[in-house]
Amino acid sequence: MKLVRERTIVRLEQMYARELRTLDEASRKHLLIALEALTDMESWARMRHFYNLSFEEACALWIHAIDRLLPRTPAVS
């Protein structure tokens, strides 16, 4: 499980590199921890089965939550 979580963090770092570059190291680390927790399989299962969200509703909730957590995407220069 540790390896899976570590790989997820690396993937999140790649996916959100532009947004993460705007943060100091401690803030970046904390945001990655929050994103990993938010997007893990247990979170998905809870949304789908405990809260009975449809696939589309769960995806929309994830997108909204991630958008709220991430700093604004910097403009391309």
PDB file of N, CA and C in Angstrom:
ATOM      1  N   MET A   1       0.823  -1.190   0.000  1.00  0.00           N
ATOM      2  CA  MET A   1       0.000   0.000   0.000  1.00  0.00           C
ATOM      3  C   MET A   1       0.868   1.256   0.000  1.00  0.00           C
ATOM      4  N   LYS A   2       1.972   1.205   0.739  1.00  0.00           N
ATOM      5  CA  LYS A   2       2.846   2.373   0.804  1.00  0.00           C
ATOM      6  C   LYS A   2       3.371   2.721  -0.593  1.00  0.00           C
ATOM      7  N   LEU A   3       3.788   1.720  -1.341  1.00  0.00           N
ATOM      8  CA  LEU A   3       4.310   1.942  -2.689  1.00  0.00           C
ATOM      9  C   LEU A   3       3.226   2.536  -3.600  1.00  0.00           C
ATOM     10  N   VAL A   4       2.018   2.038  -3.493  1.00  0.00           N
ATOM     11  CA  VAL A   4       0.913   2.556  -4.303  1.00  0.00           C
ATOM     12  C   VAL A   4       0.677   4.022  -3.973  1.00  0.00           C
ATOM     13  N   ARG A   5       0.664   4.360  -2.697  1.00  0.00           N
ATOM     14  CA  ARG A   5       0.441   5.750  -2.287  1.00  0.00           C
ATOM     15  C   ARG A   5       1.588   6.644  -2.753  1.00  0.00           C
ATOM     16  N   GLU A   6       2.811   6.157  -2.657  1.00  0.00           N
ATOM     17  CA  GLU A   6       3.961   6.936  -3.116  1.00  0.00           C
ATOM     18  C   GLU A   6       3.885   7.193  -4.619  1.00  0.00           C
ATOM     19  N   ARG A   7       3.489   6.188  -5.365  1.00  0.00           N
ATOM     20  CA  ARG A   7       3.353   6.358  -6.824  1.00  0.00           C
ATOM     21  C   ARG A   7       2.215   7.317  -7.168  1.00  0.00           C
ATOM     22  N   THR A   8       1.167   7.269  -6.383  1.00  0.00           N
ATOM     23  CA  THR A   8       0.061   8.203  -6.590  1.00  0.00           C
ATOM     24  C   THR A   8       0.530   9.636  -6.363  1.00  0.00           C
ATOM     25  N   ILE A   9       1.314   9.854  -5.318  1.00  0.00           N
ATOM     26  CA  ILE A   9       1.854  11.190  -5.034  1.00  0.00           C
ATOM     27  C   ILE A   9       2.710  11.664  -6.211  1.00  0.00           C
ATOM     28  N   VAL A  10       3.562  10.796  -6.733  1.00  0.00           N
ATOM     29  CA  VAL A  10       4.408  11.157  -7.878  1.00  0.00           C
ATOM     30  C   VAL A  10       3.527  11.534  -9.069  1.00  0.00           C
ATOM     31  N   ARG A  11       2.495  10.771  -9.311  1.00  0.00           N
ATOM     32  CA  ARG A  11       1.585  11.059 -10.432  1.00  0.00           C
ATOM     33  C   ARG A  11       0.870  12.392 -10.217  1.00  0.00           C
ATOM     34  N   LEU A  12       0.410  12.654  -9.005  1.00  0.00           N
ATOM     35  CA  LEU A  12      -0.243  13.925  -8.705  1.00  0.00           C
ATOM     36  C   LEU A  12       0.726  15.097  -8.900  1.00  0.00           C
ATOM     37  N   GLU A  13       1.980  14.894  -8.504  1.00  0.00           N
ATOM     38  CA  GLU A  13       3.000  15.930  -8.711  1.00  0.00           C
ATOM     39  C   GLU A  13       3.163  16.241 -10.194  1.00  0.00           C
ATOM     40  N   GLN A  14       3.125  15.213 -11.024  1.00  0.00           N
ATOM     41  CA  GLN A  14       3.249  15.410 -12.469  1.00  0.00           C
ATOM     42  C   GLN A  14       2.011  16.103 -13.039  1.00  0.00           C
ATOM     43  N   MET A  15       0.841  15.656 -12.627  1.00  0.00           N
ATOM     44  CA  MET A  15      -0.403  16.186 -13.160  1.00  0.00           C
ATOM     45  C   MET A  15      -0.602  17.661 -12.824  1.00  0.00           C
ATOM     46  N   TYR A  16      -0.206  18.041 -11.627  1.00  0.00           N
ATOM     47  CA  TYR A  16      -0.462  19.396 -11.140  1.00  0.00           C
ATOM     48  C   TYR A  16       0.822  20.187 -10.920  1.00  0.00           C
ATOM     49  N   ALA A  17       1.847  19.898 -11.717  1.00  0.00           N
ATOM     50  CA  ALA A  17       3.158  20.541 -11.545  1.00  0.00           C
ATOM     51  C   ALA A  17       3.065  22.060 -11.616  1.00  0.00           C
ATOM     52  N   ARG A  18       2.317  22.588 -12.568  1.00  0.00           N
ATOM     53  CA  ARG A  18       2.225  24.047 -12.716  1.00  0.00           C
ATOM     54  C   ARG A  18       1.619  24.696 -11.485  1.00  0.00           C
ATOM     55  N   GLU A  19       0.560  24.118 -10.956  1.00  0.00           N
ATOM     56  CA  GLU A  19      -0.082  24.680  -9.768  1.00  0.00           C
ATOM     57  C   GLU A  19       0.809  24.523  -8.537  1.00  0.00           C
ATOM     58  N   LEU A  20       1.457  23.373  -8.426  1.00  0.00           N
ATOM     59  CA  LEU A  20       2.286  23.099  -7.253  1.00  0.00           C
ATOM     60  C   LEU A  20       3.527  23.984  -7.204  1.00  0.00           C
ATOM     61  N   ARG A  21       4.020  24.400  -8.359  1.00  0.00           N
ATOM     62  CA  ARG A  21       5.202  25.275  -8.394  1.00  0.00           C
ATOM     63  C   ARG A  21       4.959  26.608  -7.697  1.00  0.00           C
ATOM     64  N   THR A  22       3.715  26.987  -7.542  1.00  0.00           N
ATOM     65  CA  THR A  22       3.405  28.272  -6.917  1.00  0.00           C
ATOM     66  C   THR A  22       3.465  28.212  -5.394  1.00  0.00           C
ATOM     67  N   LEU A  23       3.645  27.027  -4.839  1.00  0.00           N
ATOM     68  CA  LEU A  23       3.604  26.831  -3.388  1.00  0.00           C
ATOM     69  C   LEU A  23       4.992  26.599  -2.804  1.00  0.00           C
ATOM     70  N   ASP A  24       5.143  26.951  -1.525  1.00  0.00           N
ATOM     71  CA  ASP A  24       6.385  26.598  -0.835  1.00  0.00           C
ATOM     72  C   ASP A  24       6.375  25.096  -0.558  1.00  0.00           C
ATOM     73  N   GLU A  25       7.515  24.571  -0.160  1.00  0.00           N
ATOM     74  CA  GLU A  25       7.669  23.115  -0.009  1.00  0.00           C
ATOM     75  C   GLU A  25       6.675  22.506   0.969  1.00  0.00           C
ATOM     76  N   ALA A  26       6.499  23.134   2.130  1.00  0.00           N
ATOM     77  CA  ALA A  26       5.578  22.585   3.138  1.00  0.00           C
ATOM     78  C   ALA A  26       4.139  22.590   2.624  1.00  0.00           C
ATOM     79  N   SER A  27       3.726  23.681   1.996  1.00  0.00           N
ATOM     80  CA  SER A  27       2.364  23.761   1.457  1.00  0.00           C
ATOM     81  C   SER A  27       2.150  22.744   0.348  1.00  0.00           C
ATOM     82  N   ARG A  28       3.151  22.567  -0.495  1.00  0.00           N
ATOM     83  CA  ARG A  28       3.080  21.587  -1.590  1.00  0.00           C
ATOM     84  C   ARG A  28       2.909  20.174  -1.023  1.00  0.00           C
ATOM     85  N   LYS A  29       3.698  19.849  -0.006  1.00  0.00           N
ATOM     86  CA  LYS A  29       3.616  18.515   0.618  1.00  0.00           C
ATOM     87  C   LYS A  29       2.224  18.291   1.206  1.00  0.00           C
ATOM     88  N   HIS A  30       1.716  19.282   1.921  1.00  0.00           N
ATOM     89  CA  HIS A  30       0.399  19.138   2.557  1.00  0.00           C
ATOM     90  C   HIS A  30      -0.702  19.008   1.514  1.00  0.00           C
ATOM     91  N   LEU A  31      -0.607  19.764   0.437  1.00  0.00           N
ATOM     92  CA  LEU A  31      -1.609  19.674  -0.618  1.00  0.00           C
ATOM     93  C   LEU A  31      -1.578  18.305  -1.280  1.00  0.00           C
ATOM     94  N   LEU A  32      -0.394  17.780  -1.519  1.00  0.00           N
ATOM     95  CA  LEU A  32      -0.292  16.447  -2.118  1.00  0.00           C
ATOM     96  C   LEU A  32      -0.883  15.378  -1.209  1.00  0.00           C
ATOM     97  N   ILE A  33      -0.675  15.503   0.091  1.00  0.00           N
ATOM     98  CA  ILE A  33      -1.275  14.555   1.040  1.00  0.00           C
ATOM     99  C   ILE A  33      -2.792  14.631   0.961  1.00  0.00           C
ATOM    100  N   ALA A  34      -3.333  15.847   0.932  1.00  0.00           N
ATOM    101  CA  ALA A  34      -4.788  16.029   0.851  1.00  0.00           C
ATOM    102  C   ALA A  34      -5.339  15.473  -0.461  1.00  0.00           C
ATOM    103  N   LEU A  35      -4.647  15.747  -1.570  1.00  0.00           N
ATOM    104  CA  LEU A  35      -5.105  15.233  -2.864  1.00  0.00           C
ATOM    105  C   LEU A  35      -5.067  13.708  -2.910  1.00  0.00           C
ATOM    106  N   GLU A  36      -4.030  13.124  -2.355  1.00  0.00           N
ATOM    107  CA  GLU A  36      -3.938  11.651  -2.335  1.00  0.00           C
ATOM    108  C   GLU A  36      -5.081  11.060  -1.515  1.00  0.00           C
ATOM    109  N   ALA A  37      -5.360  11.660  -0.364  1.00  0.00           N
ATOM    110  CA  ALA A  37      -6.445  11.158   0.484  1.00  0.00           C
ATOM    111  C   ALA A  37      -7.802  11.325  -0.196  1.00  0.00           C
ATOM    112  N   LEU A  38      -7.982  12.451  -0.847  1.00  0.00           N
ATOM    113  CA  LEU A  38      -9.246  12.732  -1.522  1.00  0.00           C
ATOM    114  C   LEU A  38      -9.512  11.766  -2.672  1.00  0.00           C
ATOM    115  N   THR A  39      -8.469  11.397  -3.384  1.00  0.00           N
ATOM    116  CA  THR A  39      -8.653  10.614  -4.610  1.00  0.00           C
ATOM    117  C   THR A  39      -8.345   9.131  -4.461  1.00  0.00           C
ATOM    118  N   ASP A  40      -8.189   8.647  -3.245  1.00  0.00           N
ATOM    119  CA  ASP A  40      -7.894   7.222  -3.104  1.00  0.00           C
ATOM    120  C   ASP A  40      -9.147   6.376  -3.316  1.00  0.00           C
ATOM    121  N   MET A  41      -8.959   5.095  -3.441  1.00  0.00           N
ATOM    122  CA  MET A  41     -10.061   4.185  -3.746  1.00  0.00           C
ATOM    123  C   MET A  41     -11.110   4.139  -2.642  1.00  0.00           C
ATOM    124  N   GLU A  42     -10.688   4.289  -1.394  1.00  0.00           N
ATOM    125  CA  GLU A  42     -11.658   4.280  -0.298  1.00  0.00           C
ATOM    126  C   GLU A  42     -12.591   5.482  -0.402  1.00  0.00           C
ATOM    127  N   SER A  43     -12.032   6.632  -0.783  1.00  0.00           N
ATOM    128  CA  SER A  43     -12.843   7.828  -0.974  1.00  0.00           C
ATOM    129  C   SER A  43     -13.863   7.603  -2.092  1.00  0.00           C
ATOM    130  N   TRP A  44     -13.396   7.023  -3.196  1.00  0.00           N
ATOM    131  CA  TRP A  44     -14.290   6.731  -4.318  1.00  0.00           C
ATOM    132  C   TRP A  44     -15.398   5.762  -3.889  1.00  0.00           C
ATOM    133  N   ALA A  45     -15.023   4.705  -3.198  1.00  0.00           N
ATOM    134  CA  ALA A  45     -16.015   3.713  -2.755  1.00  0.00           C
ATOM    135  C   ALA A  45     -17.025   4.342  -1.804  1.00  0.00           C
ATOM    136  N   ARG A  46     -16.564   5.203  -0.922  1.00  0.00           N
ATOM    137  CA  ARG A  46     -17.465   5.873   0.014  1.00  0.00           C
ATOM    138  C   ARG A  46     -18.482   6.736  -0.750  1.00  0.00           C
ATOM    139  N   MET A  47     -18.011   7.502  -1.714  1.00  0.00           N
ATOM    140  CA  MET A  47     -18.927   8.349  -2.482  1.00  0.00           C
ATOM    141  C   MET A  47     -19.950   7.518  -3.252  1.00  0.00           C
ATOM    142  N   ARG A  48     -19.472   6.437  -3.859  1.00  0.00           N
ATOM    143  CA  ARG A  48     -20.349   5.632  -4.715  1.00  0.00           C
ATOM    144  C   ARG A  48     -21.303   4.743  -3.928  1.00  0.00           C
ATOM    145  N   HIS A  49     -20.804   4.100  -2.873  1.00  0.00           N
ATOM    146  CA  HIS A  49     -21.609   3.087  -2.194  1.00  0.00           C
ATOM    147  C   HIS A  49     -22.252   3.581  -0.907  1.00  0.00           C
ATOM    148  N   PHE A  50     -21.543   4.347  -0.105  1.00  0.00           N
ATOM    149  CA  PHE A  50     -22.120   4.838   1.145  1.00  0.00           C
ATOM    150  C   PHE A  50     -23.069   6.000   0.874  1.00  0.00           C
ATOM    151  N   TYR A  51     -22.627   6.937   0.000  1.00  0.00           N
ATOM    152  CA  TYR A  51     -23.453   8.104  -0.299  1.00  0.00           C
ATOM    153  C   TYR A  51     -24.311   7.922  -1.551  1.00  0.00           C
ATOM    154  N   ASN A  52     -24.181   6.759  -2.196  1.00  0.00           N
ATOM    155  CA  ASN A  52     -25.004   6.409  -3.367  1.00  0.00           C
ATOM    156  C   ASN A  52     -24.926   7.430  -4.502  1.00  0.00           C
ATOM    157  N   LEU A  53     -23.745   8.009  -4.721  1.00  0.00           N
ATOM    158  CA  LEU A  53     -23.585   8.928  -5.838  1.00  0.00           C
ATOM    159  C   LEU A  53     -23.397   8.133  -7.125  1.00  0.00           C
ATOM    160  N   SER A  54     -23.951   8.645  -8.206  1.00  0.00           N
ATOM    161  CA  SER A  54     -23.716   8.024  -9.502  1.00  0.00           C
ATOM    162  C   SER A  54     -22.258   8.259  -9.890  1.00  0.00           C
ATOM    163  N   PHE A  55     -21.820   7.570 -10.938  1.00  0.00           N
ATOM    164  CA  PHE A  55     -20.469   7.778 -11.442  1.00  0.00           C
ATOM    165  C   PHE A  55     -20.256   9.248 -11.785  1.00  0.00           C
ATOM    166  N   GLU A  56     -21.213   9.840 -12.491  1.00  0.00           N
ATOM    167  CA  GLU A  56     -21.112  11.231 -12.910  1.00  0.00           C
ATOM    168  C   GLU A  56     -21.087  12.176 -11.712  1.00  0.00           C
ATOM    169  N   GLU A  57     -21.917  11.918 -10.710  1.00  0.00           N
ATOM    170  CA  GLU A  57     -21.937  12.764  -9.509  1.00  0.00           C
ATOM    171  C   GLU A  57     -20.619  12.681  -8.744  1.00  0.00           C
ATOM    172  N   ALA A  58     -20.087  11.474  -8.619  1.00  0.00           N
ATOM    173  CA  ALA A  58     -18.818  11.297  -7.903  1.00  0.00           C
ATOM    174  C   ALA A  58     -17.677  11.993  -8.648  1.00  0.00           C
ATOM    175  N   CYS A  59     -17.661  11.876  -9.969  1.00  0.00           N
ATOM    176  CA  CYS A  59     -16.632  12.569 -10.764  1.00  0.00           C
ATOM    177  C   CYS A  59     -16.743  14.074 -10.588  1.00  0.00           C
ATOM    178  N   ALA A  60     -17.956  14.599 -10.648  1.00  0.00           N
ATOM    179  CA  ALA A  60     -18.166  16.039 -10.499  1.00  0.00           C
ATOM    180  C   ALA A  60     -17.726  16.510  -9.115  1.00  0.00           C
ATOM    181  N   LEU A  61     -18.019  15.717  -8.111  1.00  0.00           N
ATOM    182  CA  LEU A  61     -17.601  16.082  -6.751  1.00  0.00           C
ATOM    183  C   LEU A  61     -16.081  16.100  -6.647  1.00  0.00           C
ATOM    184  N   TRP A  62     -15.420  15.094  -7.198  1.00  0.00           N
ATOM    185  CA  TRP A  62     -13.955  15.053  -7.199  1.00  0.00           C
ATOM    186  C   TRP A  62     -13.381  16.280  -7.899  1.00  0.00           C
ATOM    187  N   ILE A  63     -13.905  16.586  -9.074  1.00  0.00           N
ATOM    188  CA  ILE A  63     -13.400  17.731  -9.837  1.00  0.00           C
ATOM    189  C   ILE A  63     -13.569  19.011  -9.032  1.00  0.00           C
ATOM    190  N   HIS A  64     -14.730  19.201  -8.457  1.00  0.00           N
ATOM    191  CA  HIS A  64     -14.994  20.398  -7.664  1.00  0.00           C
ATOM    192  C   HIS A  64     -14.044  20.488  -6.462  1.00  0.00           C
ATOM    193  N   ALA A  65     -13.883  19.388  -5.757  1.00  0.00           N
ATOM    194  CA  ALA A  65     -13.013  19.382  -4.569  1.00  0.00           C
ATOM    195  C   ALA A  65     -11.557  19.655  -4.947  1.00  0.00           C
ATOM    196  N   ILE A  66     -11.084  19.038  -6.007  1.00  0.00           N
ATOM    197  CA  ILE A  66      -9.702  19.251  -6.446  1.00  0.00           C
ATOM    198  C   ILE A  66      -9.513  20.698  -6.884  1.00  0.00           C
ATOM    199  N   ASP A  67     -10.464  21.232  -7.634  1.00  0.00           N
ATOM    200  CA  ASP A  67     -10.383  22.635  -8.048  1.00  0.00           C
ATOM    201  C   ASP A  67     -10.322  23.576  -6.846  1.00  0.00           C
ATOM    202  N   ARG A  68     -11.051  23.253  -5.799  1.00  0.00           N
ATOM    203  CA  ARG A  68     -11.052  24.097  -4.595  1.00  0.00           C
ATOM    204  C   ARG A  68      -9.731  24.010  -3.844  1.00  0.00           C
ATOM    205  N   LEU A  69      -9.097  22.848  -3.883  1.00  0.00           N
ATOM    206  CA  LEU A  69      -7.823  22.657  -3.169  1.00  0.00           C
ATOM    207  C   LEU A  69      -6.634  23.289  -3.882  1.00  0.00           C
ATOM    208  N   LEU A  70      -6.609  23.182  -5.202  1.00  0.00           N
ATOM    209  CA  LEU A  70      -5.452  23.644  -5.965  1.00  0.00           C
ATOM    210  C   LEU A  70      -5.389  25.161  -6.037  1.00  0.00           C
ATOM    211  N   PRO A  71      -4.174  25.700  -5.986  1.00  0.00           N
ATOM    212  CA  PRO A  71      -4.050  27.134  -6.253  1.00  0.00           C
ATOM    213  C   PRO A  71      -4.372  27.404  -7.722  1.00  0.00           C
ATOM    214  N   ARG A  72      -4.626  28.629  -8.044  1.00  0.00           N
ATOM    215  CA  ARG A  72      -4.939  29.009  -9.418  1.00  0.00           C
ATOM    216  C   ARG A  72      -3.805  28.587 -10.349  1.00  0.00           C
ATOM    217  N   THR A  73      -4.155  28.049 -11.510  1.00  0.00           N
ATOM    218  CA  THR A  73      -3.150  27.647 -12.492  1.00  0.00           C
ATOM    219  C   THR A  73      -2.476  28.892 -13.040  1.00  0.00           C
ATOM    220  N   PRO A  74      -1.141  28.954 -12.952  1.00  0.00           N
ATOM    221  CA  PRO A  74      -0.448  30.141 -13.479  1.00  0.00           C
ATOM    222  C   PRO A  74      -0.586  30.225 -14.998  1.00  0.00           C
ATOM    223  N   ALA A  75      -0.583  31.444 -15.476  1.00  0.00           N
ATOM    224  CA  ALA A  75      -0.655  31.668 -16.920  1.00  0.00           C
ATOM    225  C   ALA A  75       0.609  31.152 -17.586  1.00  0.00           C
ATOM    226  N   VAL A  76       0.449  30.672 -18.794  1.00  0.00           N
ATOM    227  CA  VAL A  76       1.603  30.201 -19.565  1.00  0.00           C
ATOM    228  C   VAL A  76       2.340  31.438 -20.082  1.00  0.00           C
ATOM    229  N   SER A  77       3.663  31.445 -19.870  1.00  0.00           N
ATOM    230  CA  SER A  77       4.436  32.604 -20.336  1.00  0.00           C
ATOM    231  C   SER A  77       5.319  32.271 -21.503  1.00  0.00           C
TER     232      SER A  77
END
